[in-house]
Structures are given as C-alpha cells and as structure tokens.
C-alpha cells in the first residue's frame, strides 16, 4: 500500500496515485509483494499503452480551468468589494 504521506503531497504526479491505488491495490488480496508488484507493473504497462495524446490532455486542462473560472464568478469570488 502507498505510504499515507504520498497521498497528501501537492505534486503533479499525485494524480497518478488515485487510479493506481484503485486498479491495483483497492480490495485486493495479493498473497505477497511479488504478485502485488506484478499487478502494479501490468497496470503501468496498460496505462502507458493507452496514453492520451498531449493535445487532448491540454484541451481537457483548459476546459477544466474555464469551468473553475465560471464557477468562481457565479459564487462572487471574482467580484471586487465596493467601498461604502
């Protein structure tokens, strides 16, 4: 299992730990570390073989940023306070 400190790091690679944990470690009952390591390697090979194109990833990031920006405006986070 991943060390608890690895789950709280504000690190770009942190996004990879969630799927890794979900697909290889969650609800698993590996008899030993050798089998667990094989499953981890199988998942990483699958993920690398099915990687998305960088342009698609960039477009998805832009869309998420646009949505976050819109949500902030709706909540009034972008409004400047008015002087009384």
Protein backbone atom coordinates (compact mmCIF):
# COMPACT_ATOMS: atom_id res chain seq x y z
CA UNK A 1 0.00 0.00 0.00
CA UNK A 2 1.16 3.54 -0.68
CA UNK A 3 2.61 5.41 2.22
CA UNK A 4 -0.01 7.82 3.71
CA UNK A 5 2.31 10.80 3.19
CA UNK A 6 2.30 10.15 -0.58
CA UNK A 7 -1.44 10.81 -0.70
CA UNK A 8 -1.19 14.35 0.63
CA UNK A 9 1.69 15.75 -1.39
CA UNK A 10 0.83 18.64 -3.67
CA UNK A 11 2.75 17.11 -6.53
CA UNK A 12 1.79 16.75 -10.21
CA UNK A 13 2.46 13.02 -10.07
CA UNK A 14 -0.07 12.70 -7.24
CA UNK A 15 -2.87 12.42 -9.81
CA UNK A 16 -1.45 9.06 -10.88
CA UNK A 17 -1.71 7.54 -7.42
CA UNK A 18 -5.52 7.52 -7.27
CA UNK A 19 -6.05 5.28 -10.32
CA UNK A 20 -3.03 3.20 -9.38
CA UNK A 21 -4.45 2.57 -5.93
CA UNK A 22 -7.95 1.93 -7.30
CA UNK A 23 -6.97 -0.54 -10.02
CA UNK A 24 -4.21 -2.45 -8.27
CA UNK A 25 -4.48 -2.12 -4.50
CA UNK A 26 -8.10 -1.41 -3.54
CA UNK A 27 -9.98 -4.53 -2.48
CA UNK A 28 -7.01 -6.69 -3.38
CA UNK A 29 -5.72 -9.70 -1.56
CA UNK A 30 -2.28 -10.26 -3.05
CA UNK A 31 -0.57 -13.24 -1.44
CA UNK A 32 2.83 -11.49 -1.42
CA UNK A 33 4.75 -8.46 -2.65
CA UNK A 34 5.93 -10.21 -5.80
CA UNK A 35 2.36 -10.67 -7.03
CA UNK A 36 1.45 -7.14 -5.98
CA UNK A 37 4.44 -5.75 -7.89
CA UNK A 38 3.40 -7.71 -10.99
CA UNK A 39 -0.08 -6.18 -10.82
CA UNK A 40 1.41 -2.71 -10.45
CA UNK A 41 3.62 -3.30 -13.49
CA UNK A 42 0.70 -4.67 -15.51
CA UNK A 43 -1.32 -1.57 -14.74
CA UNK A 44 1.55 0.77 -15.63
CA UNK A 45 2.09 -1.06 -18.94
CA UNK A 46 -1.63 -0.77 -19.71
CA UNK A 47 -1.70 2.92 -18.79
CA UNK A 48 1.34 3.68 -20.96
CA UNK A 49 -0.09 1.73 -23.89
CA UNK A 50 -3.40 3.63 -23.64
CA UNK A 51 -2.00 7.11 -23.03
CA UNK A 52 -3.97 10.03 -24.38
CA UNK A 53 -2.47 12.44 -26.87
CA UNK A 54 -0.87 15.51 -25.24
CA UNK A 55 -3.13 17.84 -27.25
CA UNK A 56 -6.20 16.11 -25.84
CA UNK A 57 -4.85 16.43 -22.30
CA UNK A 58 -4.09 20.13 -22.84
CA UNK A 59 -7.63 20.74 -24.15
CA UNK A 60 -9.10 18.97 -21.12
CA UNK A 61 -6.99 21.10 -18.76
CA UNK A 62 -8.14 24.29 -20.49
CA UNK A 63 -11.77 23.20 -20.23
CA UNK A 64 -11.44 22.41 -16.51
CA UNK A 65 -9.81 25.81 -15.92
CA UNK A 66 -12.63 27.53 -17.83
CA UNK A 67 -15.24 25.74 -15.71
CA UNK A 68 -13.43 26.62 -12.48
CA UNK A 69 -13.29 30.22 -13.59
CA UNK A 70 -17.03 30.29 -14.35
CA UNK A 71 -17.85 28.69 -11.02
CA UNK A 72 -15.80 31.31 -9.22
CA UNK A 73 -17.67 34.12 -10.97
CA UNK A 74 -21.03 32.62 -10.06
CA UNK A 75 -20.05 32.45 -6.40
CA UNK A 76 -18.87 36.05 -6.46
CA UNK A 77 -15.24 35.20 -5.81
CA UNK A 78 -14.03 37.43 -8.66
CA UNK A 79 -16.04 40.48 -7.62
CA UNK A 80 -14.10 43.29 -6.01
CA UNK A 81 -15.60 44.62 -2.78
CA UNK A 82 -17.27 48.00 -3.14
CA UNK A 83 -16.39 50.84 -0.83
CA UNK A 84 -19.26 52.03 1.35
